[in-house]
Amino acid sequence: MDKGRFSVTSLLLNAAVVLIGVGLALLTSVRYATWGPEGPVGAWLLLVPYLIIVAAVTAILIARGIFSWVPGRRWTCFAIWVGLLIAFSVSGYYSMSEAETTYEQFAALAGWLLLAGCFVAVNAAPSTASRTAIIATLGLGGLAGWLQVAVWLSEYSSEQAQLEESRITHEQEFRTSRTRRFEHWVKRRHSGIISVICTSRTRNFVKSATQS
């Protein structure tokens, strides 16, 4: 009974792994599609079920103990699972997007390496070779997902710092411009007063000269 149940579970997991591969292939196929009001909008409809299946398969594999030997066990496994979801998400996104950099090209291909790791985790018997393959794919994939989060946070922090610097610079420019306008107004006002005084004195002088 246990053996049969195990076989059914393995069969279902293999079917799910195949569906992940199909989903990844479909995401890649719509990379250059231009249909939809916002470009390949239909690709997002493919990405969501793809990620749902990925989440289910990786969760079951981790629950079956593929990382039971790592320190921290439950919390470490949960962190690896979240990192894998991030890695699969990034790979799926770049699979359906036109790659512009080497990183984006590698990220798009990384999904297939993660998929291979899932296949090994489902079918390979426990051994040093299978554990090494799982570490090299799913283990590093989970770590890569968290590294991507660190990159996002770093970029966000940098953007916020640039916005703050831009705001400060804008305020300084505004204050400088306002000060210059005030100084210009004072100079014009001062010049006008001096002109009025000079004109008044000239008239008084002419008037005095005329009377004498």
Protein backbone atom coordinates (compact mmCIF):
# COMPACT_ATOMS: atom_id res chain seq x y z
CA MET A 1 0.00 0.00 0.00
CA ASP A 2 2.77 2.44 0.98
CA LYS A 3 4.71 1.56 -2.13
CA GLY A 4 1.67 2.11 -4.30
CA ARG A 5 0.92 5.40 -2.59
CA PHE A 6 4.55 6.42 -3.12
CA SER A 7 4.31 5.52 -6.81
CA VAL A 8 1.13 7.57 -7.25
CA THR A 9 2.75 10.54 -5.52
CA SER A 10 5.83 10.25 -7.73
CA LEU A 11 3.64 9.97 -10.81
CA LEU A 12 1.69 13.09 -9.87
CA LEU A 13 4.88 14.98 -9.10
CA ASN A 14 6.38 13.97 -12.44
CA ALA A 15 3.22 15.15 -14.18
CA ALA A 16 3.49 18.46 -12.32
CA VAL A 17 7.16 18.81 -13.29
CA VAL A 18 6.17 18.24 -16.93
CA LEU A 19 3.51 20.94 -16.59
CA ILE A 20 6.14 23.33 -15.22
CA GLY A 21 8.30 22.59 -18.25
CA VAL A 22 5.35 23.18 -20.58
CA GLY A 23 4.58 26.44 -18.81
CA LEU A 24 8.18 27.59 -19.09
CA ALA A 25 8.21 26.70 -22.78
CA LEU A 26 4.99 28.66 -23.33
CA LEU A 27 6.43 31.67 -21.52
CA THR A 28 9.47 31.53 -23.78
CA SER A 29 7.28 31.21 -26.88
CA VAL A 30 5.44 34.49 -26.20
CA ARG A 31 8.66 36.47 -25.73
CA TYR A 32 8.29 38.33 -29.03
CA ALA A 33 4.49 38.43 -29.11
CA THR A 34 2.95 41.85 -29.68
CA TRP A 35 -0.72 41.01 -29.23
CA GLY A 36 -2.73 42.57 -26.45
CA PRO A 37 -3.20 46.18 -25.36
CA GLU A 38 0.06 46.13 -23.38
CA GLY A 39 2.26 43.89 -25.50
CA PRO A 40 2.44 40.23 -24.44
CA VAL A 41 -0.27 40.68 -21.81
CA GLY A 42 -1.39 37.08 -22.19
CA ALA A 43 1.99 35.91 -20.90
CA TRP A 44 1.01 37.04 -17.42
CA LEU A 45 -1.94 34.67 -17.59
CA LEU A 46 0.58 31.90 -18.22
CA LEU A 47 2.94 33.02 -15.47
CA VAL A 48 0.38 32.79 -12.65
CA PRO A 49 -0.55 29.07 -13.05
CA TYR A 50 3.11 28.31 -13.73
CA LEU A 51 4.07 29.78 -10.35
CA ILE A 52 1.18 28.04 -8.58
CA ILE A 53 2.37 24.64 -9.82
CA VAL A 54 5.97 25.54 -8.94
CA ALA A 55 4.91 26.52 -5.40
CA ALA A 56 3.03 23.24 -4.94
CA VAL A 57 5.80 21.00 -6.32
CA THR A 58 8.65 22.63 -4.41
CA ALA A 59 6.60 22.64 -1.20
CA ILE A 60 5.88 18.90 -1.54
CA LEU A 61 9.52 18.13 -2.34
CA ILE A 62 10.72 20.05 0.70
CA ALA A 63 8.04 18.37 2.85
CA ARG A 64 9.34 15.00 1.61
CA GLY A 65 12.72 15.90 3.10
CA ILE A 66 15.04 16.83 0.23
CA PHE A 67 16.59 19.44 2.54
CA SER A 68 15.98 17.68 5.86
CA TRP A 69 19.74 17.46 6.44
CA VAL A 70 20.36 21.23 6.42
CA PRO A 71 20.87 23.08 9.73
CA GLY A 72 17.77 24.82 11.01
CA ARG A 73 15.54 22.35 9.19
CA ARG A 74 12.02 23.84 9.22
CA TRP A 75 12.95 27.52 9.02
CA THR A 76 15.85 26.91 6.66
CA CYS A 77 13.61 24.82 4.40
CA PHE A 78 10.98 27.54 4.43
CA ALA A 79 13.60 30.13 3.48
CA ILE A 80 14.82 27.91 0.65
CA TRP A 81 11.24 27.45 -0.56
CA VAL A 82 10.61 31.21 -0.64
CA GLY A 83 13.94 31.75 -2.40
CA LEU A 84 13.01 29.12 -4.99
CA LEU A 85 9.68 30.84 -5.67
CA ILE A 86 11.51 34.11 -6.23
CA ALA A 87 14.06 32.42 -8.50
CA PHE A 88 11.33 30.70 -10.54
CA SER A 89 9.41 33.98 -10.76
CA VAL A 90 12.44 35.90 -12.02
CA SER A 91 13.23 33.15 -14.52
CA GLY A 92 9.64 33.07 -15.78
CA TYR A 93 9.57 36.85 -16.14
CA TYR A 94 12.78 36.98 -18.17
CA SER A 95 11.70 33.95 -20.21
CA MET A 96 8.77 35.95 -21.58
CA SER A 97 10.76 39.20 -21.88
CA GLU A 98 13.33 40.13 -24.49
CA ALA A 99 16.72 39.66 -22.80
CA GLU A 100 18.91 42.75 -23.03
CA THR A 101 21.81 41.71 -20.79
CA THR A 102 23.79 38.58 -20.04
CA TYR A 103 22.20 38.39 -16.61
CA GLU A 104 18.71 38.40 -18.12
CA GLN A 105 19.69 35.66 -20.56
CA PHE A 106 21.08 33.52 -17.74
CA ALA A 107 18.03 34.21 -15.57
CA ALA A 108 15.75 33.02 -18.37
CA LEU A 109 17.73 29.77 -18.73
CA ALA A 110 17.99 29.23 -14.98
CA GLY A 111 14.38 28.03 -14.90
CA TRP A 112 15.37 24.93 -16.85
CA LEU A 113 18.18 24.18 -14.36
CA LEU A 114 15.72 24.52 -11.49
CA LEU A 115 13.32 22.25 -13.35
CA ALA A 116 16.08 19.66 -13.74
CA GLY A 117 16.67 19.87 -9.99
CA CYS A 118 12.98 19.17 -9.37
CA PHE A 119 13.13 16.16 -11.69
CA VAL A 120 16.14 14.76 -9.84
CA ALA A 121 14.48 15.37 -6.47
CA VAL A 122 11.38 13.47 -7.59
CA ASN A 123 13.00 10.48 -9.26
CA ALA A 124 16.56 9.98 -8.03
CA ALA A 125 17.28 7.58 -5.19
CA PRO A 126 18.97 9.13 -2.14
CA SER A 127 22.71 9.29 -2.84
CA THR A 128 25.64 11.65 -2.76
CA ALA A 129 25.28 12.35 -6.48
CA SER A 130 21.56 13.19 -6.24
CA ARG A 131 22.13 15.35 -3.16
CA THR A 132 24.91 17.20 -4.99
CA ALA A 133 22.65 17.77 -7.99
CA ILE A 134 19.84 19.06 -5.76
CA ILE A 135 22.21 21.41 -3.94
CA ALA A 136 23.65 22.68 -7.23
CA THR A 137 20.19 23.44 -8.63
CA LEU A 138 17.49 23.91 -6.01
CA GLY A 139 19.81 24.84 -3.15
CA LEU A 140 21.67 27.49 -5.12
CA GLY A 141 18.37 28.53 -6.70
CA GLY A 142 16.92 29.30 -3.28
CA LEU A 143 20.04 31.28 -2.39
CA ALA A 144 19.91 33.13 -5.72
CA GLY A 145 16.32 34.13 -5.01
CA TRP A 146 17.32 35.83 -1.76
CA LEU A 147 20.31 37.46 -3.46
CA GLN A 148 17.87 38.90 -6.00
CA VAL A 149 15.82 40.31 -3.12
CA ALA A 150 18.99 41.91 -1.74
CA VAL A 151 19.67 43.46 -5.15
CA TRP A 152 16.11 44.82 -5.33
CA LEU A 153 16.41 46.33 -1.85
CA SER A 154 19.77 47.85 -2.75
CA GLU A 155 18.38 49.36 -5.94
CA TYR A 156 15.34 50.68 -4.06
CA SER A 157 17.55 52.23 -1.39
CA SER A 158 19.73 53.80 -4.08
CA GLU A 159 16.70 55.22 -5.88
CA GLN A 160 15.34 56.66 -2.64
CA ALA A 161 18.71 58.25 -1.89
CA GLN A 162 18.81 59.77 -5.38
CA LEU A 163 15.27 61.10 -4.98
CA GLU A 164 16.16 62.64 -1.63
CA GLU A 165 19.32 64.16 -3.10
CA SER A 166 17.32 65.50 -6.04
CA ARG A 167 14.73 66.97 -3.67
CA ILE A 168 17.42 68.68 -1.59
CA THR A 169 19.11 70.03 -4.72
CA HIS A 170 15.78 71.34 -6.03
CA GLU A 171 15.06 73.07 -2.73
CA GLN A 172 18.51 74.65 -2.70
CA GLU A 173 18.07 75.85 -6.28
CA PHE A 174 14.64 77.26 -5.41
CA ARG A 175 16.02 79.09 -2.38
CA THR A 176 18.96 80.42 -4.38
CA SER A 177 16.64 81.59 -7.16
CA ARG A 178 14.31 83.27 -4.66
CA THR A 179 17.26 84.99 -2.95
CA ARG A 180 18.56 86.25 -6.27
CA ARG A 181 15.14 87.58 -7.24
CA PHE A 182 14.87 89.36 -3.89
CA GLU A 183 18.35 90.85 -4.25
CA HIS A 184 17.49 91.99 -7.77
CA TRP A 185 14.26 93.59 -6.50
CA VAL A 186 16.17 95.34 -3.69
CA LYS A 187 18.72 96.68 -6.15
CA ARG A 188 16.01 97.98 -8.45
CA ARG A 189 14.19 99.49 -5.50
CA HIS A 190 17.39 101.06 -4.23
CA SER A 191 18.21 102.41 -7.70
CA GLY A 192 14.71 103.88 -7.99
CA ILE A 193 14.96 105.62 -4.64
CA ILE A 194 18.37 107.06 -5.49
CA SER A 195 17.01 108.25 -8.84
CA VAL A 196 14.07 109.96 -7.15
CA ILE A 197 16.36 111.64 -4.61
CA CYS A 198 18.74 112.85 -7.30
CA THR A 199 15.86 114.17 -9.40
CA SER A 200 14.38 115.96 -6.41
CA ARG A 201 17.69 117.55 -5.49
CA THR A 202 18.28 118.63 -9.06
CA ARG A 203 14.87 120.29 -9.21
CA ASN A 204 15.47 122.05 -5.92
CA PHE A 205 18.84 123.26 -7.11
CA VAL A 206 17.41 124.55 -10.36
CA LYS A 207 14.57 126.22 -8.50
CA SER A 208 16.99 127.89 -6.09
CA ALA A 209 19.21 129.06 -8.92
CA THR A 210 16.23 130.50 -10.77
CA GLN A 211 14.97 132.43 -7.76
CA SER A 212 18.35 133.94 -7.04
